[in-house]
Amino acid sequence: MNYFPDEVLEHVFNFVTSHKDRNSVSSVCKSWYRIERYSRKRVFIGNCYAISPERLIDRFPALKSLTLKGKPHFADFNLVPPDWGGFVLPWIQALANSRIGLEELRLKRMVVSDESLDLLSQSFPDFKSLVLVSCEGFTTDGLSAIAANCRFLRELDLQENEVDDHRGQWLSCFPESCTSLVSLNFACLKGEINLTALERLVARSPNLKSLRLNRAVPLDSLQKILMRAPQLVDLGTGSYVSDPSSEAYNKLKAAIQKCNLVRSLSGFLEVAPHCMASIYPICPNLTFLNLSYAPGLHCNELINLIQHCTSLQRLWILDCIGDKGLSIVASTCKELHELRVFPSDPFGPENAAVTEEGLVAVSVGCPKLNSLLYFCEQMTNAALITVAKNCPNFIRFRLCILDPRKPDPVTMQPLDEGFGAIVQSCKGLKRLSLSGLLTDRVFLYIGMYAEQLEMLSVAFAGEGDMGMRYVLNGCKNLRKLEIRDSPFGNEALLEDVGKYETMRSLWMSSCEVTLGGCRTLAQKMPSLNVEIISEHDQLEFNPDDEQKVEKMYLYRTLVGHREDAPDCVSIL
């Protein structure tokens, strides 16, 4: 294709949207590298320390949209120290000092300060989209700067962030001229909201399609909002509590009936179960229902609701639905592709959780299921084998047994054969999380059959180094491996160090890896950062090579050691 003019190739490349495919395009030849370099507008960086912002800017001068991840995934389970790093300010400063016309920024597990949000809002006049997921370090003052200064803002999406609420007036900072909003999500905020400012903002946003509210927005305000925005496609309610005989409740029912475009429903952070009947009219059109933050709904209420949701493709729900409720899901939601069942109370009574019976029922009734996150009380090999047979198209399979070392309760055997059936039947599996009593045999199966696996999460599993060696030797497409509380040591770590150059990262905590093993790895692979994380300063007082490391985080980098490592992190 080199005989085509550059403009034609650039036009063709614009149809290649996958980050991975764009990377492949740039590797074909020097000509394609150059054209792809100057035409790529969207960049994904899975580790903010893998490259410097200056290098990114030099590589992609036409950048418009940046997705950036910070802390390791296990930060979600409080395994990463709060001060580990992942600061976005240096990135925004570098982008602001360049000629980059940034329009979209998506951050996950990053430390975001008010200073960085203020700089972002004032440096890019055409900025349109900010998505923050599991971020921390900022307050509503930073949100006020975004609201006041980003004149063309289309999307402000705040998901599961830790936000200090200085005052509830940040919504009033949107100027009267702001009419461009398409998506607004502040469900994670805990403080009060200026309800009048919210209602006025919604009223002057004719293109608003997605709105997710926090618990400070009462039901009567929701009714007023829905009257002003019947075009919503994605709705997240706040407080859903009212007297069913009240005028406000009747007005809400009338408003909901006009919202016939809603396809995604979430929220119900506070809910009176007797109010749920008001949403039944829009349930047949729903393709996504997220009740993972609705502990006020129990099994019977959930069953009554789901029986109206015949078009669901994605369902996130708490385990209080029970096996009985999951059987209703199986008989009702024939188009279901994704199921996530979260624990309502991980430390509660055992009978609160779902079991293998519910999962088997869903696999029988929902053959299109391809993505699963399932917190359960127990699991059997027979159930996993049945699920693998009924749903061979899984690309994500994450199972978490609340007692992580629990065997098959029927046979008292490890769950090796069950997970072996999953990886053998599901040829397209890309993400896998293991749970339950497991031996090295399950890792043999993973290495043999999980050819497309990109991310593997392991906890409390295995017998020795062979298990990890099976995975590293067999899974050719593995990008992320995270292991905790498992008996893997130096022999497995150093078996094939070249493998780590093809991976994004390796996390090991509470394993058998020693400081000496980590040092050997760092010496052999200078292109990798090997971080030893210790919240008890064990390295300072006991630098013995035989000392087991508390946590090790290994990742590829093009820029060497980072300069912002805290005292609890030693980079070898």
Protein backbone atom coordinates (compact mmCIF):
# COMPACT_ATOMS: atom_id res chain seq x y z
CA MET A 1 0.00 0.00 0.00
CA ASN A 2 3.01 2.33 -0.08
CA TYR A 3 1.94 3.56 -3.53
CA PHE A 4 -1.06 5.30 -1.98
CA PRO A 5 -0.65 8.97 -0.99
CA ASP A 6 -0.14 9.65 2.70
CA GLU A 7 -3.55 11.30 2.91
CA VAL A 8 -5.27 8.12 1.72
CA LEU A 9 -3.40 5.94 4.22
CA GLU A 10 -4.20 8.36 7.02
CA HIS A 11 -7.87 8.15 6.09
CA VAL A 12 -7.70 4.34 6.12
CA PHE A 13 -5.91 4.32 9.48
CA ASN A 14 -8.74 6.39 10.99
CA PHE A 15 -10.96 3.33 10.66
CA VAL A 16 -8.58 1.36 12.90
CA THR A 17 -9.87 2.14 16.38
CA SER A 18 -8.26 -0.60 18.50
CA HIS A 19 -5.15 0.57 20.39
CA LYS A 20 -3.54 -2.80 19.80
CA ASP A 21 -4.22 -2.67 16.06
CA ARG A 22 -2.88 0.87 15.83
CA ASN A 23 0.33 -0.32 17.48
CA SER A 24 0.59 -3.09 14.90
CA VAL A 25 0.05 -0.61 12.07
CA SER A 26 2.94 1.53 13.29
CA SER A 27 5.26 -1.49 13.21
CA VAL A 28 4.80 -2.35 9.53
CA CYS A 29 7.34 0.04 8.03
CA LYS A 30 8.88 3.49 8.50
CA SER A 31 6.32 5.12 6.25
CA TRP A 32 3.37 3.69 8.15
CA TYR A 33 5.06 4.55 11.46
CA ARG A 34 5.33 8.19 10.41
CA ILE A 35 1.76 8.43 9.12
CA GLU A 36 0.35 6.65 12.15
CA ARG A 37 2.38 8.89 14.45
CA TYR A 38 0.94 12.11 13.08
CA SER A 39 -2.62 10.80 12.73
CA ARG A 40 -3.19 9.03 16.04
CA LYS A 41 -5.48 11.06 18.27
CA ARG A 42 -6.35 8.51 20.98
CA VAL A 43 -3.72 6.89 23.22
CA PHE A 44 -4.05 4.34 26.03
CA ILE A 45 -1.28 4.00 28.65
CA GLY A 46 -1.82 1.14 31.10
CA ASN A 47 0.90 2.29 33.52
CA CYS A 48 1.71 5.96 34.07
CA TYR A 49 5.32 5.03 34.92
CA ALA A 50 5.94 3.03 31.75
CA ILE A 51 6.62 6.18 29.73
CA SER A 52 7.16 9.88 30.37
CA PRO A 53 4.64 12.51 29.26
CA GLU A 54 7.37 14.23 27.23
CA ARG A 55 8.00 11.06 25.26
CA LEU A 56 4.29 10.61 24.65
CA ILE A 57 3.96 14.16 23.33
CA ASP A 58 6.93 13.73 21.01
CA ARG A 59 5.56 10.43 19.72
CA PHE A 60 1.97 11.58 19.10
CA PRO A 61 1.84 15.34 18.48
CA ALA A 62 -1.80 15.17 17.27
CA LEU A 63 -3.03 13.66 20.55
CA LYS A 64 -6.61 14.56 21.51
CA SER A 65 -7.68 11.80 23.90
CA LEU A 66 -5.58 10.17 26.64
CA THR A 67 -6.43 7.22 28.89
CA LEU A 68 -4.01 6.78 31.79
CA LYS A 69 -3.84 4.23 34.61
CA GLY A 70 -1.89 4.60 37.84
CA LYS A 71 -1.86 2.26 40.83
CA PRO A 72 -1.81 -1.54 40.37
CA HIS A 73 -5.16 -3.36 40.26
CA PHE A 74 -4.68 -4.78 43.77
CA ALA A 75 -5.04 -1.22 45.09
CA ASP A 76 -8.77 -1.97 44.86
CA PHE A 77 -8.21 -4.49 47.68
CA ASN A 78 -6.15 -2.12 49.87
CA LEU A 79 -2.91 -3.95 49.11
CA VAL A 80 -1.10 -0.85 47.79
CA PRO A 81 0.03 1.88 50.25
CA PRO A 82 -2.03 5.08 49.95
CA ASP A 83 1.08 7.15 49.18
CA TRP A 84 2.47 4.75 46.54
CA GLY A 85 2.18 7.29 43.72
CA GLY A 86 0.31 7.65 40.46
CA PHE A 87 0.22 11.45 40.31
CA VAL A 88 -1.44 13.01 37.28
CA LEU A 89 -0.14 16.57 37.82
CA PRO A 90 3.20 16.03 35.96
CA TRP A 91 1.26 14.74 32.97
CA ILE A 92 -1.10 17.69 32.85
CA GLN A 93 1.80 20.11 33.29
CA ALA A 94 3.70 18.55 30.38
CA LEU A 95 0.62 18.50 28.16
CA ALA A 96 -0.19 22.11 29.06
CA ASN A 97 3.35 23.23 28.16
CA SER A 98 3.14 21.56 24.75
CA ARG A 99 0.98 22.30 21.75
CA ILE A 100 -1.26 19.34 22.43
CA GLY A 101 -4.94 20.20 22.03
CA LEU A 102 -6.25 17.76 24.62
CA GLU A 103 -10.00 17.20 24.51
CA GLU A 104 -10.52 14.01 26.54
CA LEU A 105 -8.83 12.62 29.66
CA ARG A 106 -9.67 9.31 31.32
CA LEU A 107 -7.87 8.40 34.55
CA LYS A 108 -8.02 5.27 36.69
CA ARG A 109 -6.45 4.79 40.14
CA MET A 110 -4.60 8.09 39.87
CA VAL A 111 -3.91 10.80 42.45
CA VAL A 112 -5.75 13.85 41.15
CA SER A 113 -5.27 17.14 43.01
CA ASP A 114 -7.39 20.27 42.81
CA GLU A 115 -4.32 21.99 41.35
CA SER A 116 -4.22 19.47 38.50
CA LEU A 117 -7.94 19.90 37.75
CA ASP A 118 -7.61 23.68 37.78
CA LEU A 119 -4.63 23.54 35.42
CA LEU A 120 -6.50 21.12 33.17
CA SER A 121 -9.52 23.41 33.00
CA GLN A 122 -7.47 26.48 32.06
CA SER A 123 -4.96 24.94 29.63
CA PHE A 124 -7.14 23.30 26.98
CA PRO A 125 -9.85 25.58 25.57
CA ASP A 126 -11.56 22.76 23.63
CA PHE A 127 -11.59 20.26 26.50
CA LYS A 128 -14.74 18.11 26.34
CA SER A 129 -14.52 14.96 28.48
CA LEU A 130 -13.20 14.03 31.94
CA VAL A 131 -13.62 10.51 33.34
CA LEU A 132 -12.19 9.68 36.77
CA VAL A 133 -12.40 6.09 38.03
CA SER A 134 -11.18 5.08 41.51
CA CYS A 135 -9.15 8.27 41.83
CA GLU A 136 -8.36 10.27 44.96
CA GLY A 137 -6.78 13.48 46.21
CA PHE A 138 -9.25 16.06 44.91
CA THR A 139 -12.23 17.96 46.28
CA THR A 140 -15.32 19.64 44.90
CA ASP A 141 -13.15 22.77 44.48
CA GLY A 142 -11.41 20.99 41.61
CA LEU A 143 -14.77 20.04 40.12
CA SER A 144 -15.83 23.68 40.39
CA ALA A 145 -12.84 24.67 38.23
CA ILE A 146 -13.80 22.09 35.59
CA ALA A 147 -17.42 23.27 35.61
CA ALA A 148 -16.53 26.96 35.41
CA ASN A 149 -13.75 26.87 32.80
CA CYS A 150 -14.50 24.00 30.38
CA ARG A 151 -16.97 25.82 28.12
CA PHE A 152 -17.55 22.88 25.78
CA LEU A 153 -17.72 20.11 28.39
CA ARG A 154 -19.72 17.12 27.15
CA GLU A 155 -18.85 14.49 29.76
CA LEU A 156 -18.04 14.55 33.48
CA ASP A 157 -18.01 10.99 34.80
CA LEU A 158 -16.98 10.34 38.42
CA GLN A 159 -16.90 6.64 39.29
CA GLU A 160 -15.98 5.29 42.74
CA ASN A 161 -13.69 8.19 43.64
CA GLU A 162 -12.71 9.45 47.08
CA VAL A 163 -13.78 13.10 46.94
CA ASP A 164 -13.66 15.62 49.79
CA ASP A 165 -16.78 17.74 49.60
CA HIS A 166 -15.95 21.25 50.75
CA ARG A 167 -19.36 22.56 49.81
CA GLY A 168 -22.25 21.46 47.66
CA GLN A 169 -22.17 24.41 45.28
CA TRP A 170 -19.91 23.08 42.53
CA LEU A 171 -22.85 22.45 40.18
CA SER A 172 -23.70 26.16 40.30
CA CYS A 173 -20.29 26.88 38.72
CA PHE A 174 -21.51 25.70 35.32
CA PRO A 175 -22.13 28.92 33.40
CA GLU A 176 -25.56 29.67 31.97
CA SER A 177 -24.00 29.32 28.53
CA CYS A 178 -23.17 25.64 29.17
CA THR A 179 -25.60 23.63 27.05
CA SER A 180 -23.24 20.93 25.74
CA LEU A 181 -23.47 18.24 28.46
CA VAL A 182 -24.16 14.73 27.20
CA SER A 183 -23.10 12.73 30.27
CA LEU A 184 -22.98 13.68 33.97
CA ASN A 185 -22.22 11.18 36.74
CA PHE A 186 -21.62 12.27 40.34
CA ALA A 187 -23.10 9.23 42.10
CA CYS A 188 -19.95 8.73 44.21
CA LEU A 189 -20.17 12.16 45.89
CA LYS A 190 -21.42 12.02 49.46
CA GLY A 191 -22.20 15.66 50.15
CA GLU A 192 -25.22 17.85 49.58
CA ILE A 193 -26.04 19.14 46.11
CA ASN A 194 -27.48 22.46 44.97
CA LEU A 195 -30.70 20.99 43.64
CA THR A 196 -31.83 24.20 41.94
CA ALA A 197 -28.53 24.44 40.02
CA LEU A 198 -28.83 20.77 39.02
CA GLU A 199 -32.36 21.18 37.71
CA ARG A 200 -31.41 24.30 35.73
CA LEU A 201 -28.34 22.58 34.28
CA VAL A 202 -30.41 19.61 33.13
CA ALA A 203 -33.06 21.89 31.67
CA ARG A 204 -30.54 23.71 29.44
CA SER A 205 -28.78 20.50 28.28
CA PRO A 206 -30.96 19.20 25.44
CA ASN A 207 -28.38 16.57 24.44
CA LEU A 208 -28.06 15.05 27.91
CA LYS A 209 -28.24 11.25 27.52
CA SER A 210 -26.63 9.95 30.71
CA LEU A 211 -27.31 11.23 34.24
CA ARG A 212 -26.32 9.47 37.45
CA LEU A 213 -27.22 11.18 40.72
CA ASN A 214 -25.99 10.81 44.29
CA ARG A 215 -28.02 9.98 47.38
CA ALA A 216 -28.50 13.69 48.20
CA VAL A 217 -30.97 14.03 45.30
CA PRO A 218 -34.44 13.16 46.66
CA LEU A 219 -37.26 11.59 44.77
CA ASP A 220 -39.23 14.82 44.26
CA SER A 221 -36.18 16.43 42.61
CA LEU A 222 -35.77 13.35 40.43
CA GLN A 223 -39.31 13.85 39.19
CA LYS A 224 -38.57 17.44 38.18
CA ILE A 225 -35.36 16.36 36.44
CA LEU A 226 -37.10 13.64 34.46
CA MET A 227 -39.76 16.08 33.31
CA ARG A 228 -36.95 18.23 31.89
CA ALA A 229 -34.97 15.35 30.38
CA PRO A 230 -37.24 12.68 28.89
CA GLN A 231 -34.47 12.00 26.33
CA LEU A 232 -32.26 10.21 28.90
CA VAL A 233 -30.84 6.85 27.87
CA ASP A 234 -28.82 6.16 31.04
CA LEU A 235 -30.37 7.02 34.42
CA GLY A 236 -28.88 6.63 37.89
CA THR A 237 -31.28 7.52 40.70
CA GLY A 238 -30.30 8.96 44.07
CA SER A 239 -32.61 8.55 47.04
CA TYR A 240 -35.69 6.57 46.01
CA VAL A 241 -37.85 6.93 49.10
CA SER A 242 -41.41 8.27 49.16
CA ASP A 243 -44.94 7.59 50.31
CA PRO A 244 -46.69 5.69 47.45
CA SER A 245 -49.87 7.60 48.17
CA SER A 246 -48.20 11.01 47.93
CA GLU A 247 -48.61 13.48 45.09
CA ALA A 248 -44.83 13.52 44.52
CA TYR A 249 -44.80 9.75 43.96
CA ASN A 250 -47.67 9.92 41.48
CA LYS A 251 -45.90 12.71 39.58
CA LEU A 252 -42.76 10.57 39.48
CA LYS A 253 -44.68 7.65 38.00
CA ALA A 254 -46.02 9.89 35.27
CA ALA A 255 -42.54 11.29 34.53
CA ILE A 256 -40.97 7.83 34.34
CA GLN A 257 -43.58 6.63 31.84
CA LYS A 258 -42.42 9.38 29.46
CA CYS A 259 -38.78 8.21 29.67
CA ASN A 260 -39.20 5.45 27.12
CA LEU A 261 -35.64 5.84 25.81
CA VAL A 262 -33.95 4.68 29.04
CA ARG A 263 -31.84 1.60 28.39
CA SER A 264 -29.53 1.68 31.43
CA LEU A 265 -30.75 2.01 35.02
CA SER A 266 -28.68 2.22 38.23
CA GLY A 267 -28.59 3.88 41.65
CA PHE A 268 -31.29 3.30 44.30
CA LEU A 269 -28.64 4.16 46.90
CA GLU A 270 -31.46 4.63 49.38
CA VAL A 271 -34.68 2.90 48.46
CA ALA A 272 -38.12 2.10 49.78
CA PRO A 273 -38.98 -1.27 48.18
CA HIS A 274 -42.65 -0.35 47.79
CA CYS A 275 -41.59 2.44 45.40
CA MET A 276 -39.98 0.09 42.88
CA ALA A 277 -43.22 -0.59 41.03
CA SER A 278 -42.97 2.91 39.58
CA ILE A 279 -40.11 1.86 37.28
CA TYR A 280 -41.77 -1.28 35.93
CA PRO A 281 -43.05 0.54 32.77
CA ILE A 282 -39.48 1.16 31.51
CA CYS A 283 -38.06 -2.24 32.52
CA PRO A 284 -38.87 -4.13 29.26
CA ASN A 285 -36.55 -1.77 27.34
CA LEU A 286 -33.59 -2.00 29.74
CA THR A 287 -30.38 -3.60 28.48
CA PHE A 288 -28.27 -2.74 31.58
CA LEU A 289 -29.43 -2.88 35.21
CA ASN A 290 -26.97 -2.02 37.98
CA LEU A 291 -28.25 -2.64 41.51
CA SER A 292 -24.84 -3.26 43.07
CA TYR A 293 -25.30 -0.23 45.37
CA ALA A 294 -28.88 -0.98 46.41
CA PRO A 295 -28.68 -2.95 49.68
CA GLY A 296 -32.23 -1.94 50.53
CA LEU A 297 -33.63 -4.34 47.93
CA HIS A 298 -33.95 -7.98 48.92
CA CYS A 299 -34.71 -11.21 47.12
CA ASN A 300 -38.44 -10.85 46.56
CA GLU A 301 -38.23 -7.20 45.45
CA LEU A 302 -35.39 -8.08 43.08
CA ILE A 303 -37.34 -11.00 41.61
CA ASN A 304 -40.41 -8.82 41.02
CA LEU A 305 -38.23 -6.24 39.28
CA ILE A 306 -36.23 -8.62 37.10
CA GLN A 307 -39.33 -10.40 35.86
CA HIS A 308 -40.09 -7.19 33.94
CA CYS A 309 -36.56 -6.91 32.46
CA THR A 310 -36.81 -9.25 29.49
CA SER A 311 -34.19 -7.49 27.33
CA LEU A 312 -31.29 -7.29 29.78
CA GLN A 313 -27.81 -7.83 28.38
CA ARG A 314 -25.87 -6.74 31.47
CA LEU A 315 -26.84 -7.26 35.12
CA TRP A 316 -24.91 -6.11 38.21
CA ILE A 317 -26.56 -7.16 41.44
CA LEU A 318 -25.95 -8.07 45.09
CA ASP A 319 -25.88 -11.67 46.26
CA CYS A 320 -29.01 -11.15 48.36
CA ILE A 321 -30.83 -12.10 45.17
CA GLY A 322 -30.03 -15.70 46.13
CA ASP A 323 -30.07 -18.78 43.98
CA LYS A 324 -33.84 -18.48 43.66
CA GLY A 325 -33.49 -15.01 42.17
CA LEU A 326 -30.78 -16.14 39.76
CA SER A 327 -33.11 -18.86 38.48
CA ILE A 328 -35.58 -16.06 37.62
CA VAL A 329 -32.76 -14.25 35.81
CA ALA A 330 -32.13 -17.45 33.85
CA SER A 331 -35.75 -17.82 32.78
CA THR A 332 -36.28 -14.12 32.01
CA CYS A 333 -33.06 -12.63 30.60
CA LYS A 334 -32.31 -14.73 27.53
CA GLU A 335 -30.07 -12.04 26.00
CA LEU A 336 -27.79 -11.72 29.04
CA HIS A 337 -24.10 -11.28 28.15
CA GLU A 338 -22.63 -10.04 31.42
CA LEU A 339 -23.41 -10.94 35.03
CA ARG A 340 -21.78 -9.50 38.14
CA VAL A 341 -22.90 -10.69 41.57
CA PHE A 342 -21.34 -8.72 44.44
CA PRO A 343 -21.32 -9.58 48.17
CA SER A 344 -23.93 -7.64 50.13
CA ASP A 345 -22.10 -8.44 53.36
CA PRO A 346 -18.84 -10.43 53.06
CA PHE A 347 -18.80 -10.96 56.83
CA GLY A 348 -22.48 -11.79 57.22
CA PRO A 349 -24.22 -15.14 57.66
CA GLU A 350 -23.29 -17.84 55.21
CA ASN A 351 -26.81 -18.28 53.84
CA ALA A 352 -26.78 -14.71 52.50
CA ALA A 353 -24.57 -15.67 49.57
CA VAL A 354 -25.35 -17.40 46.30
CA THR A 355 -23.94 -20.83 45.48
CA GLU A 356 -23.13 -22.98 42.49
CA GLU A 357 -26.85 -23.64 41.95
CA GLY A 358 -27.52 -20.07 40.88
CA LEU A 359 -24.57 -20.02 38.47
CA VAL A 360 -25.59 -23.29 36.84
CA ALA A 361 -29.15 -22.04 36.41
CA VAL A 362 -27.92 -18.88 34.67
CA SER A 363 -25.59 -20.87 32.40
CA VAL A 364 -28.52 -23.03 31.30
CA GLY A 365 -30.91 -20.16 30.69
CA CYS A 366 -28.46 -17.57 29.32
CA PRO A 367 -26.27 -19.28 26.70
CA LYS A 368 -24.95 -15.91 25.41
CA LEU A 369 -23.22 -15.19 28.74
CA ASN A 370 -19.58 -14.24 28.10
CA SER A 371 -18.54 -12.15 31.11
CA LEU A 372 -18.84 -13.15 34.76
CA LEU A 373 -17.90 -11.78 38.18
CA TYR A 374 -19.37 -14.06 40.84
CA PHE A 375 -18.95 -13.79 44.62
CA CYS A 376 -20.35 -16.96 46.12
CA GLU A 377 -20.50 -19.10 49.21
CA GLN A 378 -19.29 -22.28 47.53
CA MET A 379 -18.56 -23.90 44.17
CA THR A 380 -18.23 -27.44 42.86
CA ASN A 381 -16.26 -29.00 40.04
CA ALA A 382 -19.45 -30.42 38.55
CA ALA A 383 -21.01 -26.95 38.43
CA LEU A 384 -17.97 -25.40 36.73
CA ILE A 385 -17.86 -28.21 34.17
CA THR A 386 -21.56 -27.64 33.42
CA VAL A 387 -21.05 -23.88 33.10
CA ALA A 388 -18.12 -24.41 30.72
CA LYS A 389 -20.27 -26.68 28.55
CA ASN A 390 -23.26 -24.32 28.50
CA CYS A 391 -21.32 -21.07 27.97
CA PRO A 392 -18.18 -21.69 25.90
CA ASN A 393 -17.90 -18.03 24.83
CA PHE A 394 -16.57 -16.57 28.07
CA ILE A 395 -13.95 -13.85 27.60
CA ARG A 396 -13.95 -12.86 31.29
CA PHE A 397 -14.47 -15.36 34.11
CA ARG A 398 -13.89 -14.13 37.66
CA LEU A 399 -14.96 -16.33 40.55
CA CYS A 400 -14.51 -15.34 44.19
CA ILE A 401 -15.46 -17.82 46.91
CA LEU A 402 -15.87 -15.95 50.19
CA ASP A 403 -13.71 -18.60 51.89
CA PRO A 404 -10.82 -18.52 49.37
CA ARG A 405 -9.43 -21.98 50.28
CA LYS A 406 -12.75 -23.83 50.29
CA PRO A 407 -12.78 -27.15 48.38
CA ASP A 408 -15.61 -28.72 46.44
CA PRO A 409 -18.19 -29.19 49.26
CA VAL A 410 -19.51 -32.40 47.69
CA THR A 411 -16.28 -34.28 47.04
CA MET A 412 -13.92 -32.22 49.26
CA GLN A 413 -11.51 -32.17 46.30
CA PRO A 414 -9.68 -29.13 44.87
CA LEU A 415 -11.45 -27.19 42.13
CA ASP A 416 -8.73 -27.95 39.58
CA GLU A 417 -10.95 -29.94 37.23
CA GLY A 418 -13.70 -27.33 37.22
CA PHE A 419 -11.41 -24.46 36.29
CA GLY A 420 -9.64 -26.79 33.88
CA ALA A 421 -12.95 -27.25 32.07
CA ILE A 422 -13.41 -23.47 31.88
CA VAL A 423 -10.04 -22.80 30.24
CA GLN A 424 -10.38 -25.82 27.94
CA SER A 425 -13.87 -24.96 26.69
CA CYS A 426 -13.62 -21.17 26.55
CA LYS A 427 -11.08 -20.67 23.77
CA GLY A 428 -11.44 -16.87 23.76
CA LEU A 429 -10.89 -16.39 27.51
CA LYS A 430 -8.86 -13.23 28.16
CA ARG A 431 -9.33 -12.59 31.88
CA LEU A 432 -9.46 -15.17 34.66
CA SER A 433 -9.65 -14.93 38.45
CA LEU A 434 -9.31 -18.11 40.51
CA SER A 435 -10.72 -18.98 43.92
CA GLY A 436 -11.16 -22.01 46.15
CA LEU A 437 -8.79 -24.84 47.04
CA LEU A 438 -6.42 -25.27 44.07
CA THR A 439 -3.26 -27.24 43.38
CA ASP A 440 -0.59 -26.83 40.72
CA ARG A 441 -2.70 -28.95 38.37
CA VAL A 442 -5.03 -26.02 37.64
CA PHE A 443 -2.04 -23.97 36.48
CA LEU A 444 -1.00 -26.83 34.21
CA TYR A 445 -4.44 -26.63 32.60
CA ILE A 446 -4.19 -22.85 32.28
CA GLY A 447 -0.78 -23.07 30.62
CA MET A 448 -2.00 -25.76 28.22
CA TYR A 449 -5.35 -24.33 27.15
CA ALA A 450 -5.64 -20.59 27.93
CA GLU A 451 -3.94 -19.46 24.74
CA GLN A 452 -5.68 -16.06 24.58
CA LEU A 453 -5.41 -15.26 28.31
CA GLU A 454 -4.19 -11.70 28.97
CA MET A 455 -4.83 -11.22 32.70
CA LEU A 456 -4.71 -13.78 35.50
CA SER A 457 -5.48 -13.12 39.18
CA VAL A 458 -4.43 -15.73 41.74
CA ALA A 459 -4.97 -15.81 45.51
CA PHE A 460 -4.35 -18.55 48.10
CA ALA A 461 -3.61 -21.13 45.39
CA GLY A 462 -0.97 -23.60 44.29
CA GLU A 463 1.58 -25.87 45.92
CA GLY A 464 4.96 -24.62 44.71
CA ASP A 465 6.95 -23.00 41.92
CA MET A 466 5.70 -25.35 39.20
CA GLY A 467 2.29 -23.73 39.16
CA MET A 468 3.64 -20.31 38.24
CA ARG A 469 6.09 -21.83 35.78
CA TYR A 470 3.24 -23.58 33.95
CA VAL A 471 1.50 -20.23 33.46
CA LEU A 472 4.56 -18.25 32.37
CA ASN A 473 5.66 -20.94 29.93
CA GLY A 474 2.23 -21.64 28.49
CA CYS A 475 0.25 -18.39 28.29
CA LYS A 476 1.85 -16.66 25.31
CA ASN A 477 -0.49 -13.65 25.36
CA LEU A 478 -0.30 -12.97 29.11
CA ARG A 479 -0.05 -9.26 29.88
CA LYS A 480 -0.84 -8.96 33.59
CA LEU A 481 -0.25 -11.52 36.32
CA GLU A 482 -1.19 -10.74 39.92
CA ILE A 483 -0.59 -13.18 42.75
CA ARG A 484 -1.16 -12.95 46.48
CA ASP A 485 -0.75 -15.38 49.38
CA SER A 486 0.55 -18.23 47.23
CA PRO A 487 3.68 -20.43 47.59
CA PHE A 488 5.57 -19.21 44.51
CA GLY A 489 9.20 -18.21 44.99
CA ASN A 490 12.48 -17.32 43.31
CA GLU A 491 12.69 -20.39 41.11
CA ALA A 492 9.43 -19.53 39.36
CA LEU A 493 10.21 -15.81 39.30
CA LEU A 494 13.57 -16.32 37.55
CA GLU A 495 12.58 -19.24 35.30
CA ASP A 496 12.14 -17.12 32.14
CA VAL A 497 12.86 -13.47 32.84
CA GLY A 498 12.55 -12.61 29.15
CA LYS A 499 8.82 -13.31 29.44
CA TYR A 500 8.38 -10.11 31.46
CA GLU A 501 9.39 -7.99 28.48
CA THR A 502 6.18 -9.06 26.74
CA MET A 503 4.03 -8.38 29.83
CA ARG A 504 2.77 -5.13 31.24
CA SER A 505 3.20 -6.05 34.89
CA LEU A 506 3.64 -8.71 37.58
CA TRP A 507 2.41 -8.31 41.15
CA MET A 508 3.39 -10.72 43.95
CA SER A 509 2.50 -10.20 47.61
CA SER A 510 2.82 -12.54 50.59
CA CYS A 511 4.54 -15.16 48.45
CA GLU A 512 7.93 -16.91 48.83
CA VAL A 513 9.96 -14.43 46.77
CA THR A 514 13.08 -13.07 48.49
CA LEU A 515 14.97 -9.82 48.21
CA GLY A 516 17.88 -11.68 46.61
CA GLY A 517 15.62 -13.09 43.90
CA CYS A 518 14.26 -9.65 43.13
CA ARG A 519 17.76 -8.20 42.93
CA THR A 520 18.82 -10.92 40.51
CA LEU A 521 15.82 -10.16 38.33
CA ALA A 522 16.57 -6.43 38.35
CA GLN A 523 20.18 -7.09 37.32
CA LYS A 524 19.17 -9.36 34.46
CA MET A 525 16.42 -7.11 33.15
CA PRO A 526 17.40 -3.43 33.37
CA SER A 527 14.45 -2.48 31.16
CA LEU A 528 12.10 -3.45 33.99
CA ASN A 529 11.34 -1.58 37.18
CA VAL A 530 11.34 -3.94 40.15
CA GLU A 531 9.66 -2.24 43.10
CA ILE A 532 9.77 -3.66 46.61
CA ILE A 533 6.91 -2.31 48.69
CA SER A 534 7.11 -2.55 52.47
CA GLU A 535 4.87 -0.68 54.84
CA HIS A 536 7.02 -1.78 57.79
CA ASP A 537 10.47 -0.59 56.57
CA GLN A 538 11.77 -4.17 56.61
CA LEU A 539 14.40 -3.46 53.93
CA GLU A 540 15.94 -0.58 55.85
CA PHE A 541 16.62 -2.71 58.90
CA ASN A 542 17.03 -6.14 57.34
CA PRO A 543 18.60 -5.98 53.86
CA ASP A 544 19.35 -9.72 53.92
CA ASP A 545 18.97 -11.38 50.49
CA GLU A 546 17.07 -14.24 52.14
CA GLN A 547 14.47 -11.89 53.55
CA LYS A 548 11.05 -12.50 51.99
CA VAL A 549 9.62 -9.40 50.36
CA GLU A 550 6.24 -8.19 51.47
CA LYS A 551 5.13 -6.99 48.05
CA MET A 552 6.82 -6.85 44.67
CA TYR A 553 5.58 -4.93 41.64
CA LEU A 554 7.38 -5.41 38.35
CA TYR A 555 6.59 -3.51 35.16
CA ARG A 556 8.07 -2.53 31.81
CA THR A 557 9.31 1.01 31.41
CA LEU A 558 11.01 3.12 28.78
CA VAL A 559 12.15 5.84 31.19
CA GLY A 560 13.92 4.03 34.03
CA HIS A 561 13.26 4.57 37.72
CA ARG A 562 10.56 6.98 38.75
CA GLU A 563 11.48 9.95 40.90
CA ASP A 564 8.41 10.17 43.11
CA ALA A 565 8.71 6.85 44.96
CA PRO A 566 7.82 7.19 48.68
CA ASP A 567 9.91 5.77 51.52
CA CYS A 568 7.90 2.54 51.54
CA VAL A 569 9.00 1.76 47.95
CA SER A 570 12.50 0.62 47.02
CA ILE A 571 13.31 0.37 43.30
CA LEU A 572 16.05 -2.19 42.67
